[in-house]
Amino acid sequence: MSEKPKPLSPSQLRAERRAAGEIPPVTARHPRGVDEWQDYITQAIEEAMNGGAFDNLPGKGKPLVLNENPNEPPDMAMANQILKNNDASPPWIGDRKKIIEDVESLRAEMTQRWQWIREDWAGTTIDRERLARRWADQIATWTVQIAKLNSRIRDLNLILPIWRMELLRLHLADELARIGAPEKLEE
């Protein structure tokens, strides 16, 4: 009795078909991953170093001269150089710093006021109705202050040359949540 031949695996079948010319050889390469690219680049640099490609570079052994900013638009180079030579900065940098200081100052004030109100509210001899009115007045004052700050933030964001430096607008509800304060005091 003769045994049946074993069926070929898919890879063996492909190899036979490729050998017979039925399937063209694989010419397309798979795309390299990040690690493969890093390995390839590292290998290419090492081969170049071993081959002496970096031995006779101009300025070898001297400090790099990095006077030019590669990210600076050419039309701003002269203006930035004048500012640098006079130890000055563009106005928007000072405006941004001032707004950040004012936001921090407002947040510190809000934290302090809420602490005082909370301590007074816990007292047994305080007129709670008067305290609630005082808190409502304080909320109204902060609403106006936040609106003015938001106007300054909007104006600054319109002139910033770098979008990542934009400031976020303030919201009273978020600022109150930051310090754990309610918008209205209720018994």
N, C-alpha and C. Protein backbone atom coordinates (compact mmCIF):
# COMPACT_ATOMS: atom_id res chain seq x y z
N MET A 1 0.83 -1.16 0.00
CA MET A 1 0.00 0.00 0.00
C MET A 1 0.89 1.23 0.00
N SER A 2 0.55 2.20 -0.82
CA SER A 2 1.36 3.41 -0.91
C SER A 2 0.76 4.52 -0.04
N GLU A 3 1.66 5.24 0.56
CA GLU A 3 1.21 6.33 1.42
C GLU A 3 0.94 7.57 0.58
N LYS A 4 -0.04 8.29 1.03
CA LYS A 4 -0.37 9.56 0.37
C LYS A 4 0.72 10.57 0.69
N PRO A 5 1.09 11.40 -0.27
CA PRO A 5 2.07 12.44 0.05
C PRO A 5 1.46 13.46 1.00
N LYS A 6 2.31 13.96 1.87
CA LYS A 6 1.87 14.98 2.83
C LYS A 6 1.57 16.27 2.08
N PRO A 7 0.46 16.96 2.43
CA PRO A 7 0.18 18.24 1.76
C PRO A 7 1.24 19.28 2.15
N LEU A 8 1.51 20.17 1.21
CA LEU A 8 2.51 21.21 1.43
C LEU A 8 1.92 22.33 2.29
N SER A 9 2.78 22.92 3.10
CA SER A 9 2.35 24.08 3.89
C SER A 9 2.23 25.28 2.95
N PRO A 10 1.51 26.32 3.37
CA PRO A 10 1.38 27.49 2.50
C PRO A 10 2.71 28.10 2.11
N SER A 11 3.68 28.15 3.04
CA SER A 11 4.98 28.74 2.70
C SER A 11 5.74 27.85 1.72
N GLN A 12 5.63 26.51 1.86
CA GLN A 12 6.28 25.61 0.91
C GLN A 12 5.64 25.72 -0.46
N LEU A 13 4.33 25.85 -0.49
CA LEU A 13 3.61 25.99 -1.75
C LEU A 13 4.02 27.28 -2.45
N ARG A 14 4.13 28.37 -1.69
CA ARG A 14 4.56 29.64 -2.27
C ARG A 14 5.97 29.54 -2.83
N ALA A 15 6.86 28.87 -2.08
CA ALA A 15 8.25 28.71 -2.53
C ALA A 15 8.31 27.92 -3.83
N GLU A 16 7.53 26.86 -3.95
CA GLU A 16 7.50 26.07 -5.19
C GLU A 16 6.96 26.89 -6.36
N ARG A 17 5.90 27.65 -6.09
CA ARG A 17 5.31 28.46 -7.17
C ARG A 17 6.27 29.56 -7.60
N ARG A 18 7.01 30.15 -6.61
CA ARG A 18 7.99 31.18 -6.94
C ARG A 18 9.12 30.57 -7.78
N ALA A 19 9.56 29.37 -7.40
CA ALA A 19 10.64 28.69 -8.15
C ALA A 19 10.19 28.37 -9.57
N ALA A 20 8.92 28.06 -9.74
CA ALA A 20 8.40 27.74 -11.07
C ALA A 20 8.13 29.01 -11.88
N GLY A 21 8.27 30.18 -11.29
CA GLY A 21 8.06 31.43 -12.02
C GLY A 21 6.62 31.89 -12.02
N GLU A 22 5.77 31.24 -11.25
CA GLU A 22 4.36 31.63 -11.22
C GLU A 22 4.14 32.90 -10.39
N ILE A 23 4.98 33.11 -9.40
CA ILE A 23 4.87 34.28 -8.53
C ILE A 23 6.16 35.09 -8.70
N PRO A 24 6.05 36.37 -9.04
CA PRO A 24 7.27 37.16 -9.18
C PRO A 24 7.97 37.32 -7.84
N PRO A 25 9.29 37.48 -7.84
CA PRO A 25 10.00 37.64 -6.57
C PRO A 25 9.56 38.93 -5.87
N VAL A 26 9.65 38.90 -4.57
CA VAL A 26 9.24 40.05 -3.76
C VAL A 26 10.30 41.14 -3.90
N THR A 27 9.88 42.30 -4.42
CA THR A 27 10.81 43.41 -4.58
C THR A 27 10.48 44.56 -3.65
N ALA A 28 9.25 44.63 -3.20
CA ALA A 28 8.85 45.72 -2.31
C ALA A 28 9.33 45.43 -0.90
N ARG A 29 9.89 46.47 -0.27
CA ARG A 29 10.37 46.32 1.10
C ARG A 29 9.31 46.86 2.05
N HIS A 30 9.30 46.33 3.23
CA HIS A 30 8.38 46.85 4.23
C HIS A 30 8.93 48.17 4.78
N PRO A 31 8.05 49.09 5.17
CA PRO A 31 8.52 50.37 5.70
C PRO A 31 9.24 50.15 7.04
N ARG A 32 10.27 50.93 7.24
CA ARG A 32 11.03 50.82 8.48
C ARG A 32 10.28 51.49 9.62
N GLY A 33 10.44 50.90 10.80
CA GLY A 33 9.89 51.50 12.00
C GLY A 33 10.87 52.51 12.57
N VAL A 34 10.46 53.21 13.61
CA VAL A 34 11.30 54.24 14.22
C VAL A 34 12.61 53.64 14.72
N ASP A 35 12.53 52.50 15.40
CA ASP A 35 13.74 51.87 15.92
C ASP A 35 14.68 51.46 14.79
N GLU A 36 14.11 50.94 13.69
CA GLU A 36 14.94 50.54 12.56
C GLU A 36 15.64 51.74 11.95
N TRP A 37 14.93 52.88 11.86
CA TRP A 37 15.55 54.09 11.31
C TRP A 37 16.66 54.58 12.21
N GLN A 38 16.43 54.56 13.52
CA GLN A 38 17.46 55.00 14.46
C GLN A 38 18.69 54.11 14.35
N ASP A 39 18.46 52.78 14.26
CA ASP A 39 19.58 51.86 14.10
C ASP A 39 20.31 52.13 12.80
N TYR A 40 19.57 52.36 11.73
CA TYR A 40 20.18 52.62 10.43
C TYR A 40 21.00 53.91 10.46
N ILE A 41 20.44 54.96 11.05
CA ILE A 41 21.13 56.25 11.12
C ILE A 41 22.39 56.13 11.97
N THR A 42 22.26 55.48 13.12
CA THR A 42 23.42 55.27 13.99
C THR A 42 24.51 54.50 13.26
N GLN A 43 24.11 53.46 12.54
CA GLN A 43 25.07 52.65 11.80
C GLN A 43 25.75 53.49 10.71
N ALA A 44 24.96 54.31 9.99
CA ALA A 44 25.53 55.14 8.92
C ALA A 44 26.52 56.16 9.50
N ILE A 45 26.20 56.75 10.65
CA ILE A 45 27.11 57.72 11.28
C ILE A 45 28.39 57.02 11.73
N GLU A 46 28.26 55.86 12.34
CA GLU A 46 29.45 55.12 12.78
C GLU A 46 30.33 54.73 11.60
N GLU A 47 29.72 54.29 10.50
CA GLU A 47 30.50 53.95 9.31
C GLU A 47 31.23 55.17 8.76
N ALA A 48 30.55 56.32 8.76
CA ALA A 48 31.18 57.54 8.26
C ALA A 48 32.33 57.95 9.18
N MET A 49 32.13 57.82 10.50
CA MET A 49 33.21 58.16 11.44
C MET A 49 34.41 57.24 11.23
N ASN A 50 34.15 55.95 11.08
CA ASN A 50 35.24 54.99 10.87
C ASN A 50 35.94 55.23 9.53
N GLY A 51 35.20 55.74 8.55
CA GLY A 51 35.78 56.03 7.24
C GLY A 51 36.49 57.37 7.19
N GLY A 52 36.45 58.14 8.27
CA GLY A 52 37.15 59.41 8.33
C GLY A 52 36.40 60.59 7.74
N ALA A 53 35.10 60.46 7.58
CA ALA A 53 34.31 61.54 6.96
C ALA A 53 34.27 62.81 7.83
N PHE A 54 34.49 62.67 9.13
CA PHE A 54 34.40 63.83 10.02
C PHE A 54 35.77 64.33 10.48
N ASP A 55 36.84 63.81 9.88
CA ASP A 55 38.18 64.15 10.36
C ASP A 55 38.63 65.56 9.96
N ASN A 56 38.29 66.03 8.79
CA ASN A 56 38.80 67.30 8.30
C ASN A 56 37.70 68.35 8.11
N LEU A 57 36.81 68.45 9.05
CA LEU A 57 35.74 69.43 8.94
C LEU A 57 36.28 70.83 9.26
N PRO A 58 35.75 71.87 8.58
CA PRO A 58 36.21 73.23 8.88
C PRO A 58 35.82 73.61 10.31
N GLY A 59 36.71 74.29 11.02
CA GLY A 59 36.45 74.73 12.38
C GLY A 59 36.58 73.64 13.42
N LYS A 60 37.25 72.54 13.05
CA LYS A 60 37.41 71.43 13.98
C LYS A 60 38.16 71.90 15.23
N GLY A 61 37.62 71.58 16.40
CA GLY A 61 38.25 71.95 17.65
C GLY A 61 37.92 73.36 18.12
N LYS A 62 37.14 74.10 17.35
CA LYS A 62 36.77 75.47 17.73
C LYS A 62 35.31 75.49 18.15
N PRO A 63 34.92 76.46 18.99
CA PRO A 63 33.51 76.54 19.40
C PRO A 63 32.62 76.89 18.20
N LEU A 64 31.38 76.40 18.26
CA LEU A 64 30.42 76.69 17.21
C LEU A 64 29.97 78.15 17.29
N VAL A 65 29.78 78.78 16.16
CA VAL A 65 29.27 80.15 16.11
C VAL A 65 27.78 80.04 15.79
N LEU A 66 26.98 80.33 16.79
CA LEU A 66 25.53 80.19 16.65
C LEU A 66 24.85 81.55 16.75
N ASN A 67 25.29 82.49 15.92
CA ASN A 67 24.71 83.83 15.95
C ASN A 67 23.37 83.91 15.25
N GLU A 68 23.13 83.05 14.30
CA GLU A 68 21.89 83.11 13.55
C GLU A 68 20.87 82.14 14.12
N ASN A 69 19.65 82.58 14.19
CA ASN A 69 18.56 81.75 14.64
C ASN A 69 17.92 81.14 13.40
N PRO A 70 17.96 79.83 13.22
CA PRO A 70 17.40 79.24 12.01
C PRO A 70 15.87 79.35 11.94
N ASN A 71 15.23 79.62 13.06
CA ASN A 71 13.77 79.74 13.08
C ASN A 71 13.29 81.18 12.93
N GLU A 72 14.22 82.11 12.81
CA GLU A 72 13.87 83.52 12.74
C GLU A 72 13.54 83.91 11.30
N PRO A 73 12.38 84.53 11.09
CA PRO A 73 12.06 84.99 9.74
C PRO A 73 13.06 86.06 9.31
N PRO A 74 13.50 86.05 8.05
CA PRO A 74 14.50 87.02 7.60
C PRO A 74 14.07 88.47 7.79
N ASP A 75 12.77 88.76 7.66
CA ASP A 75 12.32 90.14 7.79
C ASP A 75 12.35 90.64 9.24
N MET A 76 12.50 89.72 10.20
CA MET A 76 12.55 90.11 11.61
C MET A 76 13.97 90.13 12.16
N ALA A 77 14.95 89.70 11.38
CA ALA A 77 16.32 89.55 11.87
C ALA A 77 16.89 90.89 12.36
N MET A 78 16.72 91.94 11.58
CA MET A 78 17.29 93.24 11.96
C MET A 78 16.62 93.79 13.21
N ALA A 79 15.30 93.70 13.27
CA ALA A 79 14.57 94.21 14.43
C ALA A 79 14.99 93.44 15.69
N ASN A 80 15.09 92.12 15.58
CA ASN A 80 15.49 91.32 16.74
C ASN A 80 16.92 91.63 17.16
N GLN A 81 17.80 91.90 16.20
CA GLN A 81 19.19 92.24 16.52
C GLN A 81 19.26 93.57 17.26
N ILE A 82 18.45 94.54 16.83
CA ILE A 82 18.42 95.85 17.51
C ILE A 82 17.93 95.68 18.95
N LEU A 83 16.87 94.88 19.14
CA LEU A 83 16.37 94.63 20.49
C LEU A 83 17.43 93.95 21.34
N LYS A 84 18.12 92.96 20.77
CA LYS A 84 19.13 92.22 21.50
C LYS A 84 20.30 93.13 21.90
N ASN A 85 20.74 93.99 20.98
CA ASN A 85 21.86 94.88 21.25
C ASN A 85 21.53 95.91 22.34
N ASN A 86 20.26 96.21 22.52
CA ASN A 86 19.84 97.20 23.52
C ASN A 86 19.22 96.56 24.76
N ASP A 87 19.43 95.26 24.92
CA ASP A 87 18.89 94.51 26.06
C ASP A 87 17.39 94.77 26.24
N ALA A 88 16.68 94.76 25.14
CA ALA A 88 15.24 94.96 25.17
C ALA A 88 14.55 93.70 24.66
N SER A 89 13.26 93.64 24.85
CA SER A 89 12.49 92.51 24.33
C SER A 89 11.24 93.05 23.64
N PRO A 90 10.64 92.24 22.78
CA PRO A 90 9.42 92.69 22.11
C PRO A 90 8.33 93.02 23.14
N PRO A 91 7.50 93.98 22.84
CA PRO A 91 6.48 94.39 23.82
C PRO A 91 5.55 93.25 24.26
N TRP A 92 5.26 92.32 23.36
CA TRP A 92 4.32 91.26 23.71
C TRP A 92 4.87 90.36 24.82
N ILE A 93 6.19 90.27 24.95
CA ILE A 93 6.76 89.45 26.02
C ILE A 93 6.47 90.09 27.38
N GLY A 94 6.68 91.40 27.47
CA GLY A 94 6.36 92.10 28.71
C GLY A 94 4.88 92.08 29.03
N ASP A 95 4.05 92.25 27.99
CA ASP A 95 2.60 92.21 28.19
C ASP A 95 2.16 90.85 28.71
N ARG A 96 2.73 89.78 28.14
CA ARG A 96 2.37 88.42 28.55
C ARG A 96 2.77 88.18 30.01
N LYS A 97 3.97 88.61 30.39
CA LYS A 97 4.43 88.46 31.77
C LYS A 97 3.51 89.20 32.73
N LYS A 98 3.11 90.41 32.37
CA LYS A 98 2.24 91.22 33.23
C LYS A 98 0.88 90.55 33.39
N ILE A 99 0.33 90.00 32.32
CA ILE A 99 -0.97 89.32 32.41
C ILE A 99 -0.85 88.10 33.32
N ILE A 100 0.21 87.33 33.17
CA ILE A 100 0.40 86.15 34.01
C ILE A 100 0.51 86.56 35.48
N GLU A 101 1.24 87.64 35.76
CA GLU A 101 1.34 88.14 37.13
C GLU A 101 -0.02 88.56 37.66
N ASP A 102 -0.82 89.25 36.82
CA ASP A 102 -2.14 89.69 37.25
C ASP A 102 -3.08 88.51 37.51
N VAL A 103 -2.98 87.46 36.70
CA VAL A 103 -3.80 86.26 36.92
C VAL A 103 -3.40 85.61 38.24
N GLU A 104 -2.10 85.48 38.48
CA GLU A 104 -1.64 84.89 39.74
C GLU A 104 -2.07 85.73 40.94
N SER A 105 -2.03 87.04 40.79
CA SER A 105 -2.45 87.94 41.87
C SER A 105 -3.95 87.77 42.15
N LEU A 106 -4.75 87.69 41.10
CA LEU A 106 -6.19 87.50 41.26
C LEU A 106 -6.46 86.17 41.96
N ARG A 107 -5.77 85.12 41.55
CA ARG A 107 -5.98 83.80 42.17
C ARG A 107 -5.58 83.82 43.65
N ALA A 108 -4.49 84.50 43.97
CA ALA A 108 -4.07 84.59 45.38
C ALA A 108 -5.11 85.36 46.19
N GLU A 109 -5.62 86.45 45.62
CA GLU A 109 -6.65 87.23 46.31
C GLU A 109 -7.91 86.39 46.53
N MET A 110 -8.32 85.65 45.50
CA MET A 110 -9.52 84.82 45.61
C MET A 110 -9.34 83.77 46.70
N THR A 111 -8.18 83.16 46.76
CA THR A 111 -7.91 82.14 47.77
C THR A 111 -7.99 82.74 49.17
N GLN A 112 -7.37 83.91 49.33
CA GLN A 112 -7.36 84.57 50.64
C GLN A 112 -8.77 84.99 51.05
N ARG A 113 -9.51 85.61 50.15
CA ARG A 113 -10.87 86.05 50.48
C ARG A 113 -11.76 84.87 50.83
N TRP A 114 -11.64 83.77 50.08
CA TRP A 114 -12.47 82.60 50.36
C TRP A 114 -12.12 82.03 51.73
N GLN A 115 -10.86 82.04 52.08
CA GLN A 115 -10.46 81.55 53.39
C GLN A 115 -11.09 82.39 54.50
N TRP A 116 -11.07 83.71 54.34
CA TRP A 116 -11.68 84.59 55.35
C TRP A 116 -13.18 84.34 55.45
N ILE A 117 -13.85 84.27 54.30
CA ILE A 117 -15.30 84.06 54.30
C ILE A 117 -15.64 82.72 54.96
N ARG A 118 -14.89 81.70 54.61
CA ARG A 118 -15.15 80.36 55.16
C ARG A 118 -14.96 80.36 56.69
N GLU A 119 -13.93 81.05 57.17
CA GLU A 119 -13.72 81.14 58.62
C GLU A 119 -14.85 81.90 59.29
N ASP A 120 -15.28 83.02 58.67
CA ASP A 120 -16.39 83.79 59.24
C ASP A 120 -17.68 82.99 59.22
N TRP A 121 -17.89 82.23 58.15
CA TRP A 121 -19.12 81.44 58.00
C TRP A 121 -19.20 80.38 59.09
N ALA A 122 -18.06 79.85 59.48
CA ALA A 122 -18.03 78.81 60.51
C ALA A 122 -18.31 79.38 61.90
N GLY A 123 -18.11 80.70 62.06
CA GLY A 123 -18.36 81.32 63.36
C GLY A 123 -19.85 81.34 63.68
N THR A 124 -20.18 81.29 64.95
CA THR A 124 -21.59 81.23 65.37
C THR A 124 -22.19 82.60 65.59
N THR A 125 -21.36 83.62 65.76
CA THR A 125 -21.90 84.95 66.09
C THR A 125 -22.01 85.85 64.86
N ILE A 126 -21.70 85.39 63.69
CA ILE A 126 -21.68 86.23 62.50
C ILE A 126 -23.07 86.30 61.87
N ASP A 127 -23.39 87.46 61.30
CA ASP A 127 -24.64 87.64 60.56
C ASP A 127 -24.44 87.01 59.17
N ARG A 128 -25.01 85.84 58.97
CA ARG A 128 -24.78 85.09 57.73
C ARG A 128 -25.38 85.77 56.51
N GLU A 129 -26.47 86.48 56.72
CA GLU A 129 -27.09 87.18 55.58
C GLU A 129 -26.16 88.28 55.07
N ARG A 130 -25.57 89.02 55.97
CA ARG A 130 -24.62 90.08 55.60
C ARG A 130 -23.39 89.47 54.93
N LEU A 131 -22.93 88.34 55.46
CA LEU A 131 -21.78 87.65 54.89
C LEU A 131 -22.08 87.15 53.48
N ALA A 132 -23.29 86.65 53.26
CA ALA A 132 -23.68 86.18 51.92
C ALA A 132 -23.72 87.35 50.93
N ARG A 133 -24.20 88.53 51.39
CA ARG A 133 -24.21 89.71 50.51
C ARG A 133 -22.78 90.15 50.19
N ARG A 134 -21.91 90.11 51.20
CA ARG A 134 -20.51 90.48 50.98
C ARG A 134 -19.85 89.53 49.96
N TRP A 135 -20.16 88.23 50.07
CA TRP A 135 -19.62 87.26 49.11
C TRP A 135 -20.17 87.52 47.71
N ALA A 136 -21.44 87.84 47.59
CA ALA A 136 -22.04 88.13 46.28
C ALA A 136 -21.38 89.37 45.67
N ASP A 137 -21.12 90.39 46.49
CA ASP A 137 -20.42 91.58 46.00
C ASP A 137 -19.01 91.22 45.52
N GLN A 138 -18.34 90.35 46.26
CA GLN A 138 -16.99 89.94 45.88
C GLN A 138 -17.01 89.17 44.55
N ILE A 139 -18.01 88.32 44.37
CA ILE A 139 -18.16 87.57 43.12
C ILE A 139 -18.38 88.54 41.95
N ALA A 140 -19.19 89.57 42.17
CA ALA A 140 -19.44 90.57 41.13
C ALA A 140 -18.14 91.31 40.78
N THR A 141 -17.35 91.65 41.78
CA THR A 141 -16.07 92.32 41.54
C THR A 141 -15.14 91.43 40.73
N TRP A 142 -15.06 90.15 41.10
CA TRP A 142 -14.20 89.22 40.36
C TRP A 142 -14.68 89.01 38.93
N THR A 143 -15.99 89.05 38.74
CA THR A 143 -16.54 88.90 37.38
C THR A 143 -16.03 90.02 36.49
N VAL A 144 -16.04 91.24 37.01
CA VAL A 144 -15.53 92.39 36.25
C VAL A 144 -14.03 92.26 36.01
N GLN A 145 -13.29 91.88 37.04
CA GLN A 145 -11.83 91.73 36.89
C GLN A 145 -11.50 90.65 35.86
N ILE A 146 -12.22 89.53 35.88
CA ILE A 146 -11.96 88.45 34.93
C ILE A 146 -12.30 88.90 33.51
N ALA A 147 -13.37 89.66 33.36
CA ALA A 147 -13.72 90.17 32.02
C ALA A 147 -12.61 91.07 31.47
N LYS A 148 -12.06 91.94 32.34
CA LYS A 148 -10.96 92.82 31.89
C LYS A 148 -9.72 92.00 31.55
N LEU A 149 -9.39 91.01 32.37
CA LEU A 149 -8.24 90.16 32.09
C LEU A 149 -8.44 89.39 30.78
N ASN A 150 -9.65 88.88 30.57
CA ASN A 150 -9.93 88.14 29.34
C ASN A 150 -9.80 89.02 28.11
N SER A 151 -10.17 90.29 28.24
CA SER A 151 -10.00 91.22 27.13
C SER A 151 -8.52 91.42 26.81
N ARG A 152 -7.71 91.56 27.85
CA ARG A 152 -6.26 91.70 27.64
C ARG A 152 -5.66 90.42 27.06
N ILE A 153 -6.13 89.28 27.54
CA ILE A 153 -5.64 87.99 27.02
C ILE A 153 -6.00 87.85 25.54
N ARG A 154 -7.22 88.21 25.18
CA ARG A 154 -7.64 88.13 23.77
C ARG A 154 -6.77 89.02 22.90
N ASP A 155 -6.55 90.25 23.35
CA ASP A 155 -5.73 91.18 22.57
C ASP A 155 -4.29 90.67 22.42
N LEU A 156 -3.74 90.12 23.49
CA LEU A 156 -2.39 89.57 23.43
C LEU A 156 -2.32 88.38 22.48
N ASN A 157 -3.28 87.47 22.59
CA ASN A 157 -3.27 86.27 21.75
C ASN A 157 -3.34 86.62 20.26
N LEU A 158 -3.94 87.75 19.94
CA LEU A 158 -4.03 88.15 18.53
C LEU A 158 -2.69 88.60 17.96
N ILE A 159 -1.77 89.06 18.81
CA ILE A 159 -0.50 89.57 18.30
C ILE A 159 0.68 88.63 18.55
N LEU A 160 0.45 87.55 19.28
CA LEU A 160 1.55 86.63 19.58
C LEU A 160 2.05 85.97 18.29
N PRO A 161 3.36 85.97 18.08
CA PRO A 161 3.89 85.32 16.87
C PRO A 161 3.99 83.80 17.01
N ILE A 162 3.88 83.29 18.23
CA ILE A 162 4.01 81.86 18.47
C ILE A 162 2.72 81.37 19.13
N TRP A 163 1.97 80.55 18.43
CA TRP A 163 0.66 80.14 18.93
C TRP A 163 0.74 79.36 20.24
N ARG A 164 1.86 78.67 20.49
CA ARG A 164 1.97 77.88 21.72
C ARG A 164 2.06 78.76 22.96
N MET A 165 2.30 80.04 22.78
CA MET A 165 2.42 80.94 23.93
C MET A 165 1.10 81.62 24.28
N GLU A 166 0.05 81.27 23.55
CA GLU A 166 -1.24 81.87 23.84
C GLU A 166 -1.67 81.53 25.27
N LEU A 167 -2.38 82.45 25.88
CA LEU A 167 -2.91 82.26 27.22
C LEU A 167 -4.38 81.87 27.13
N LEU A 168 -4.81 81.03 28.03
CA LEU A 168 -6.21 80.63 28.08
C LEU A 168 -7.01 81.67 28.85
N ARG A 169 -8.24 81.88 28.41
CA ARG A 169 -9.10 82.82 29.12
C ARG A 169 -9.55 82.22 30.44
N LEU A 170 -9.90 83.09 31.34
CA LEU A 170 -10.36 82.68 32.66
C LEU A 170 -11.87 82.54 32.67
N HIS A 171 -12.35 81.63 33.50
CA HIS A 171 -13.79 81.45 33.71
C HIS A 171 -14.02 81.46 35.22
N LEU A 172 -14.96 82.27 35.67
CA LEU A 172 -15.22 82.41 37.10
C LEU A 172 -15.52 81.06 37.74
N ALA A 173 -16.35 80.24 37.10
CA ALA A 173 -16.71 78.94 37.68
C ALA A 173 -15.46 78.07 37.88
N ASP A 174 -14.55 78.09 36.92
CA ASP A 174 -13.32 77.30 37.04
C ASP A 174 -12.43 77.83 38.16
N GLU A 175 -12.35 79.14 38.26
CA GLU A 175 -11.50 79.74 39.30
C GLU A 175 -12.08 79.46 40.69
N LEU A 176 -13.40 79.48 40.81
CA LEU A 176 -14.02 79.16 42.09
C LEU A 176 -13.83 77.68 42.42
N ALA A 177 -13.92 76.82 41.42
CA ALA A 177 -13.71 75.39 41.64
C ALA A 177 -12.26 75.13 42.06
N ARG A 178 -11.33 75.90 41.53
CA ARG A 178 -9.91 75.75 41.87
C ARG A 178 -9.68 75.94 43.37
N ILE A 179 -10.43 76.88 43.99
CA ILE A 179 -10.24 77.14 45.42
C ILE A 179 -11.32 76.46 46.28
N GLY A 180 -12.24 75.75 45.62
CA GLY A 180 -13.28 75.03 46.36
C GLY A 180 -14.36 75.93 46.92
N ALA A 181 -14.65 77.02 46.21
CA ALA A 181 -15.63 77.99 46.71
C ALA A 181 -16.91 77.91 45.88
N PRO A 182 -18.07 78.10 46.53
CA PRO A 182 -19.32 78.15 45.78
C PRO A 182 -19.55 79.54 45.22
N GLU A 183 -20.45 79.63 44.25
CA GLU A 183 -20.75 80.96 43.69
C GLU A 183 -21.68 81.73 44.63
N LYS A 184 -22.55 80.99 45.35
CA LYS A 184 -23.45 81.62 46.31
C LYS A 184 -23.32 80.91 47.66
N LEU A 185 -23.36 81.71 48.72
CA LEU A 185 -23.35 81.13 50.05
C LEU A 185 -24.78 80.86 50.48
N GLU A 186 -25.03 79.64 50.86
CA GLU A 186 -26.38 79.27 51.31
C GLU A 186 -26.27 78.47 52.60
N GLU A 187 -27.31 78.60 53.41
CA GLU A 187 -27.29 77.86 54.69
C GLU A 187 -27.79 76.47 54.50
